[in-house]
Amino acid sequence: MDLMKDFVGNCVDISDNILVVLEGCVYGGKLSQLCTLIRLSTIEATVVENKKFDSAFWGLKVKLIEVTAKVLKVVGYGNVILLAQCRVYLLKTRLPYTRKIKPLLDSMADKETEFPFKLDEHLCQSIERAMVSLILALPSSDQADILVNWMSSVQLRYPNLSEAFEVWCCRTKSAKRRLVEGLNNVGNTAVCL
């Protein structure tokens, strides 16, 4: 269990660094841009190398989603306990990345029949369930922030957080009803005294 806790802690710590590197490659990754960043001549980058580079980064993106799934599952189901702010950070970094990558991988798989990097449907459902579980364990205001960002996104289909939204709505209505009832009881008690 300590090994998993260390793994999750390290994943959360390095999330920004990994995502910054991969975000530059989300839309196909331009080898010439990377060569410029690492001070290589773009002449050295041939078309074959470009395809190998893209293929390697697609594979890396899929692996990152698999690692994300493992981290979300472990944290979402309570096997590793993180502070609420770490859970919010984890969701706010991984949710947009996952939301961007899945449609790209799906479109690449549709375009190229031999595209080797596809997300398993079981993995996608596991990520959704873990995210819902993780969201529902957060304070209500953090839930609202994450759900508002999710609803304002163009990619509402994946991950489907509608279950978390419905539960949040029910909890919010219930809390409001209890608050109103409590305020009415306080008002009646004061009058009765």
C-alpha atoms as a PDB file:
ATOM      1  CA  MET A   1       0.000   0.000   0.000  1.00  0.00           C
ATOM      2  CA  ASP A   2       2.879   2.369   0.737  1.00  0.00           C
ATOM      3  CA  LEU A   3       4.245   1.719  -2.730  1.00  0.00           C
ATOM      4  CA  MET A   4       0.907   2.721  -4.276  1.00  0.00           C
ATOM      5  CA  LYS A   5       0.735   5.816  -2.067  1.00  0.00           C
ATOM      6  CA  ASP A   6       4.227   6.846  -3.206  1.00  0.00           C
ATOM      7  CA  PHE A   7       3.280   6.159  -6.824  1.00  0.00           C
ATOM      8  CA  VAL A   8       0.149   8.314  -6.590  1.00  0.00           C
ATOM      9  CA  GLY A   9       2.014  11.085  -4.769  1.00  0.00           C
ATOM     10  CA  ASN A  10       4.715  11.170  -7.431  1.00  0.00           C
ATOM     11  CA  CYS A  11       2.125  11.160 -10.218  1.00  0.00           C
ATOM     12  CA  VAL A  12       0.368  14.143  -8.679  1.00  0.00           C
ATOM     13  CA  ASP A  13       3.683  15.951  -8.149  1.00  0.00           C
ATOM     14  CA  ILE A  14       4.861  15.580 -11.737  1.00  0.00           C
ATOM     15  CA  SER A  15       1.479  15.986 -13.467  1.00  0.00           C
ATOM     16  CA  ASP A  16       2.202  19.494 -14.692  1.00  0.00           C
ATOM     17  CA  ASN A  17       5.579  18.585 -16.167  1.00  0.00           C
ATOM     18  CA  ILE A  18       4.264  15.552 -18.014  1.00  0.00           C
ATOM     19  CA  LEU A  19       1.203  17.331 -19.327  1.00  0.00           C
ATOM     20  CA  VAL A  20       3.202  20.335 -20.541  1.00  0.00           C
ATOM     21  CA  VAL A  21       5.402  18.052 -22.629  1.00  0.00           C
ATOM     22  CA  LEU A  22       2.496  16.038 -23.961  1.00  0.00           C
ATOM     23  CA  GLU A  23       0.199  19.018 -24.531  1.00  0.00           C
ATOM     24  CA  GLY A  24       2.703  20.186 -27.121  1.00  0.00           C
ATOM     25  CA  CYS A  25       2.114  16.895 -28.888  1.00  0.00           C
ATOM     26  CA  VAL A  26      -1.652  16.593 -28.462  1.00  0.00           C
ATOM     27  CA  TYR A  27      -2.442  17.663 -31.980  1.00  0.00           C
ATOM     28  CA  GLY A  28      -0.005  15.397 -33.745  1.00  0.00           C
ATOM     29  CA  GLY A  29       3.280  16.690 -32.372  1.00  0.00           C
ATOM     30  CA  LYS A  30       5.485  18.548 -34.812  1.00  0.00           C
ATOM     31  CA  LEU A  31       8.967  17.106 -34.870  1.00  0.00           C
ATOM     32  CA  SER A  32      10.455  20.320 -36.221  1.00  0.00           C
ATOM     33  CA  GLN A  33       9.135  22.251 -33.208  1.00  0.00           C
ATOM     34  CA  LEU A  34      10.583  19.708 -30.816  1.00  0.00           C
ATOM     35  CA  CYS A  35      13.894  19.725 -32.687  1.00  0.00           C
ATOM     36  CA  THR A  36      13.997  23.500 -32.323  1.00  0.00           C
ATOM     37  CA  LEU A  37      13.297  23.189 -28.606  1.00  0.00           C
ATOM     38  CA  ILE A  38      16.121  20.731 -28.086  1.00  0.00           C
ATOM     39  CA  ARG A  39      18.410  22.555 -30.542  1.00  0.00           C
ATOM     40  CA  LEU A  40      18.572  19.939 -33.273  1.00  0.00           C
ATOM     41  CA  SER A  41      18.631  20.752 -36.917  1.00  0.00           C
ATOM     42  CA  THR A  42      15.235  20.242 -38.508  1.00  0.00           C
ATOM     43  CA  ILE A  43      17.055  18.946 -41.569  1.00  0.00           C
ATOM     44  CA  GLU A  44      17.906  15.833 -39.547  1.00  0.00           C
ATOM     45  CA  ALA A  45      14.212  15.097 -39.122  1.00  0.00           C
ATOM     46  CA  THR A  46      13.000  13.083 -42.066  1.00  0.00           C
ATOM     47  CA  VAL A  47       9.457  12.067 -42.841  1.00  0.00           C
ATOM     48  CA  VAL A  48      10.119   8.556 -41.534  1.00  0.00           C
ATOM     49  CA  GLU A  49      11.442   9.924 -38.249  1.00  0.00           C
ATOM     50  CA  ASN A  50       8.419  12.200 -38.031  1.00  0.00           C
ATOM     51  CA  LYS A  51       6.078   9.212 -38.292  1.00  0.00           C
ATOM     52  CA  LYS A  52       8.108   7.293 -35.702  1.00  0.00           C
ATOM     53  CA  PHE A  53       8.038  10.333 -33.433  1.00  0.00           C
ATOM     54  CA  ASP A  54       4.270  10.730 -33.788  1.00  0.00           C
ATOM     55  CA  SER A  55       3.762   7.014 -33.205  1.00  0.00           C
ATOM     56  CA  ALA A  56       5.932   7.050 -30.092  1.00  0.00           C
ATOM     57  CA  PHE A  57       4.086  10.033 -28.672  1.00  0.00           C
ATOM     58  CA  TRP A  58       0.668   8.502 -29.418  1.00  0.00           C
ATOM     59  CA  GLY A  59       1.838   5.454 -27.491  1.00  0.00           C
ATOM     60  CA  LEU A  60       3.042   7.660 -24.655  1.00  0.00           C
ATOM     61  CA  LYS A  61      -0.291   9.490 -24.549  1.00  0.00           C
ATOM     62  CA  VAL A  62      -2.176   6.201 -24.286  1.00  0.00           C
ATOM     63  CA  LYS A  63       0.168   5.010 -21.513  1.00  0.00           C
ATOM     64  CA  LEU A  64      -0.401   8.272 -19.642  1.00  0.00           C
ATOM     65  CA  ILE A  65      -4.147   7.694 -19.813  1.00  0.00           C
ATOM     66  CA  GLU A  66      -3.620   4.157 -18.490  1.00  0.00           C
ATOM     67  CA  VAL A  67      -1.546   5.532 -15.594  1.00  0.00           C
ATOM     68  CA  THR A  68      -4.197   8.201 -15.035  1.00  0.00           C
ATOM     69  CA  ALA A  69      -6.835   5.483 -14.852  1.00  0.00           C
ATOM     70  CA  LYS A  70      -4.841   3.600 -12.224  1.00  0.00           C
ATOM     71  CA  VAL A  71      -4.252   6.745 -10.143  1.00  0.00           C
ATOM     72  CA  LEU A  72      -7.884   7.869 -10.364  1.00  0.00           C
ATOM     73  CA  LYS A  73      -9.117   4.396  -9.475  1.00  0.00           C
ATOM     74  CA  VAL A  74      -6.877   4.088  -6.422  1.00  0.00           C
ATOM     75  CA  VAL A  75      -7.705   7.582  -5.157  1.00  0.00           C
ATOM     76  CA  GLY A  76     -11.366   7.527  -6.215  1.00  0.00           C
ATOM     77  CA  TYR A  77     -12.135   4.310  -4.372  1.00  0.00           C
ATOM     78  CA  GLY A  78     -10.268   5.378  -1.237  1.00  0.00           C
ATOM     79  CA  ASN A  79      -7.334   2.964  -1.378  1.00  0.00           C
ATOM     80  CA  VAL A  80      -4.992   5.955  -1.189  1.00  0.00           C
ATOM     81  CA  ILE A  81      -6.134   9.008   0.744  1.00  0.00           C
ATOM     82  CA  LEU A  82      -5.196  12.440  -0.582  1.00  0.00           C
ATOM     83  CA  LEU A  83      -6.126  15.854   0.725  1.00  0.00           C
ATOM     84  CA  ALA A  84      -9.137  17.445  -0.973  1.00  0.00           C
ATOM     85  CA  GLN A  85      -6.928  20.057  -2.659  1.00  0.00           C
ATOM     86  CA  CYS A  86      -4.746  17.303  -4.164  1.00  0.00           C
ATOM     87  CA  ARG A  87      -7.824  15.455  -5.416  1.00  0.00           C
ATOM     88  CA  VAL A  88      -9.147  18.662  -6.980  1.00  0.00           C
ATOM     89  CA  TYR A  89      -5.764  19.300  -8.590  1.00  0.00           C
ATOM     90  CA  LEU A  90      -5.650  15.744  -9.897  1.00  0.00           C
ATOM     91  CA  LEU A  91      -9.080  16.108 -11.474  1.00  0.00           C
ATOM     92  CA  LYS A  92      -8.425  19.582 -12.857  1.00  0.00           C
ATOM     93  CA  THR A  93      -5.246  18.425 -14.597  1.00  0.00           C
ATOM     94  CA  ARG A  94      -6.283  14.975 -15.783  1.00  0.00           C
ATOM     95  CA  LEU A  95      -9.893  15.660 -16.784  1.00  0.00           C
ATOM     96  CA  PRO A  96      -9.059  18.161 -19.567  1.00  0.00           C
ATOM     97  CA  TYR A  97      -6.217  15.986 -20.847  1.00  0.00           C
ATOM     98  CA  THR A  98      -8.382  12.875 -21.000  1.00  0.00           C
ATOM     99  CA  ARG A  99     -11.190  14.879 -22.567  1.00  0.00           C
ATOM    100  CA  LYS A 100      -8.846  16.051 -25.353  1.00  0.00           C
ATOM    101  CA  ILE A 101      -7.013  12.812 -26.040  1.00  0.00           C
ATOM    102  CA  LYS A 102      -9.901  10.341 -26.284  1.00  0.00           C
ATOM    103  CA  PRO A 103     -11.616  12.037 -29.269  1.00  0.00           C
ATOM    104  CA  LEU A 104      -8.244  12.449 -30.986  1.00  0.00           C
ATOM    105  CA  LEU A 105      -7.399   8.784 -30.550  1.00  0.00           C
ATOM    106  CA  ASP A 106     -10.870   7.800 -31.736  1.00  0.00           C
ATOM    107  CA  SER A 107     -10.596   9.978 -34.842  1.00  0.00           C
ATOM    108  CA  MET A 108      -7.120   8.626 -35.626  1.00  0.00           C
ATOM    109  CA  ALA A 109      -8.426   5.074 -35.260  1.00  0.00           C
ATOM    110  CA  ASP A 110     -11.310   5.907 -37.609  1.00  0.00           C
ATOM    111  CA  LYS A 111      -8.955   7.420 -40.196  1.00  0.00           C
ATOM    112  CA  GLU A 112      -6.283   4.742 -40.078  1.00  0.00           C
ATOM    113  CA  THR A 113      -7.545   1.197 -39.711  1.00  0.00           C
ATOM    114  CA  GLU A 114      -4.125  -0.015 -38.571  1.00  0.00           C
ATOM    115  CA  PHE A 115      -3.693   2.697 -35.927  1.00  0.00           C
ATOM    116  CA  PRO A 116      -2.355   0.681 -32.970  1.00  0.00           C
ATOM    117  CA  PHE A 117      -3.226   3.095 -30.177  1.00  0.00           C
ATOM    118  CA  LYS A 118      -6.846   2.719 -29.184  1.00  0.00           C
ATOM    119  CA  LEU A 119      -8.411   3.128 -25.796  1.00  0.00           C
ATOM    120  CA  ASP A 120     -10.098   0.043 -24.438  1.00  0.00           C
ATOM    121  CA  GLU A 121     -13.781   0.642 -23.650  1.00  0.00           C
ATOM    122  CA  HIS A 122     -13.336  -1.022 -20.247  1.00  0.00           C
ATOM    123  CA  LEU A 123     -10.517   1.430 -19.462  1.00  0.00           C
ATOM    124  CA  CYS A 124     -12.686   4.395 -20.481  1.00  0.00           C
ATOM    125  CA  GLN A 125     -15.544   3.226 -18.258  1.00  0.00           C
ATOM    126  CA  SER A 126     -13.118   2.676 -15.399  1.00  0.00           C
ATOM    127  CA  ILE A 127     -11.863   6.253 -15.758  1.00  0.00           C
ATOM    128  CA  GLU A 128     -15.423   7.595 -15.794  1.00  0.00           C
ATOM    129  CA  ARG A 129     -16.434   5.637 -12.688  1.00  0.00           C
ATOM    130  CA  ALA A 130     -13.291   6.692 -10.818  1.00  0.00           C
ATOM    131  CA  MET A 131     -13.809  10.349 -11.757  1.00  0.00           C
ATOM    132  CA  VAL A 132     -17.438  10.237 -10.615  1.00  0.00           C
ATOM    133  CA  SER A 133     -16.393   8.640  -7.329  1.00  0.00           C
ATOM    134  CA  LEU A 134     -13.610  11.173  -6.866  1.00  0.00           C
ATOM    135  CA  ILE A 135     -15.858  14.139  -7.644  1.00  0.00           C
ATOM    136  CA  LEU A 136     -18.554  12.988  -5.233  1.00  0.00           C
ATOM    137  CA  ALA A 137     -16.000  12.768  -2.402  1.00  0.00           C
ATOM    138  CA  LEU A 138     -15.022  16.428  -2.813  1.00  0.00           C
ATOM    139  CA  PRO A 139     -16.516  19.428  -1.016  1.00  0.00           C
ATOM    140  CA  SER A 140     -19.625  20.754  -2.761  1.00  0.00           C
ATOM    141  CA  SER A 141     -17.988  23.956  -4.022  1.00  0.00           C
ATOM    142  CA  ASP A 142     -15.160  21.992  -5.659  1.00  0.00           C
ATOM    143  CA  GLN A 143     -17.702  19.625  -7.176  1.00  0.00           C
ATOM    144  CA  ALA A 144     -19.527  22.615  -8.623  1.00  0.00           C
ATOM    145  CA  ASP A 145     -16.320  24.049 -10.139  1.00  0.00           C
ATOM    146  CA  ILE A 146     -15.373  20.782 -11.807  1.00  0.00           C
ATOM    147  CA  LEU A 147     -18.885  20.112 -13.072  1.00  0.00           C
ATOM    148  CA  VAL A 148     -19.226  23.646 -14.471  1.00  0.00           C
ATOM    149  CA  ASN A 149     -15.943  23.190 -16.356  1.00  0.00           C
ATOM    150  CA  TRP A 150     -17.158  19.819 -17.613  1.00  0.00           C
ATOM    151  CA  MET A 151     -20.492  21.215 -18.804  1.00  0.00           C
ATOM    152  CA  SER A 152     -18.886  24.204 -20.516  1.00  0.00           C
ATOM    153  CA  SER A 153     -16.689  21.872 -22.548  1.00  0.00           C
ATOM    154  CA  VAL A 154     -17.425  20.916 -26.120  1.00  0.00           C
ATOM    155  CA  GLN A 155     -16.577  17.285 -25.294  1.00  0.00           C
ATOM    156  CA  LEU A 156     -19.508  16.423 -23.020  1.00  0.00           C
ATOM    157  CA  ARG A 157     -19.643  12.806 -24.162  1.00  0.00           C
ATOM    158  CA  TYR A 158     -16.409  11.693 -22.535  1.00  0.00           C
ATOM    159  CA  PRO A 159     -15.996  11.393 -19.690  1.00  0.00           C
ATOM    160  CA  ASN A 160     -19.692  11.226 -18.883  1.00  0.00           C
ATOM    161  CA  LEU A 161     -20.000  12.851 -15.485  1.00  0.00           C
ATOM    162  CA  SER A 162     -23.789  13.152 -15.559  1.00  0.00           C
ATOM    163  CA  GLU A 163     -24.112  10.755 -12.609  1.00  0.00           C
ATOM    164  CA  ALA A 164     -21.908  13.034 -10.489  1.00  0.00           C
ATOM    165  CA  PHE A 165     -23.932  16.036 -11.660  1.00  0.00           C
ATOM    166  CA  GLU A 166     -27.243  14.384 -10.725  1.00  0.00           C
ATOM    167  CA  VAL A 167     -25.986  13.402  -7.274  1.00  0.00           C
ATOM    168  CA  TRP A 168     -24.569  16.906  -6.740  1.00  0.00           C
ATOM    169  CA  CYS A 169     -27.947  18.427  -7.714  1.00  0.00           C
ATOM    170  CA  CYS A 170     -29.814  16.156  -5.277  1.00  0.00           C
ATOM    171  CA  ARG A 171     -27.382  16.905  -2.470  1.00  0.00           C
ATOM    172  CA  THR A 172     -27.569  20.641  -3.144  1.00  0.00           C
ATOM    173  CA  LYS A 173     -31.383  20.636  -3.168  1.00  0.00           C
ATOM    174  CA  SER A 174     -31.457  18.579   0.012  1.00  0.00           C
ATOM    175  CA  ALA A 175     -28.968  20.892   1.737  1.00  0.00           C
ATOM    176  CA  LYS A 176     -30.980  23.936   0.662  1.00  0.00           C
ATOM    177  CA  ARG A 177     -34.207  22.355   1.946  1.00  0.00           C
ATOM    178  CA  ARG A 178     -32.569  21.509   5.300  1.00  0.00           C
ATOM    179  CA  LEU A 179     -31.202  25.037   5.556  1.00  0.00           C
ATOM    180  CA  VAL A 180     -34.604  26.593   4.887  1.00  0.00           C
ATOM    181  CA  GLU A 181     -36.272  24.229   7.376  1.00  0.00           C
ATOM    182  CA  GLY A 182     -33.592  25.007   9.946  1.00  0.00           C
ATOM    183  CA  LEU A 183     -34.043  28.742   9.459  1.00  0.00           C
ATOM    184  CA  ASN A 184     -37.822  28.383   9.795  1.00  0.00           C
ATOM    185  CA  ASN A 185     -37.404  26.370  13.011  1.00  0.00           C
ATOM    186  CA  VAL A 186     -35.019  28.963  14.430  1.00  0.00           C
ATOM    187  CA  GLY A 187     -37.525  31.694  13.603  1.00  0.00           C
ATOM    188  CA  ASN A 188     -40.403  29.759  15.229  1.00  0.00           C
ATOM    189  CA  THR A 189     -38.348  28.957  18.318  1.00  0.00           C
ATOM    190  CA  ALA A 190     -37.468  32.596  18.813  1.00  0.00           C
ATOM    191  CA  VAL A 191     -41.135  33.565  18.559  1.00  0.00           C
ATOM    192  CA  CYS A 192     -42.197  30.852  21.009  1.00  0.00           C
ATOM    193  CA  LEU A 193     -39.773  32.037  23.672  1.00  0.00           C
END
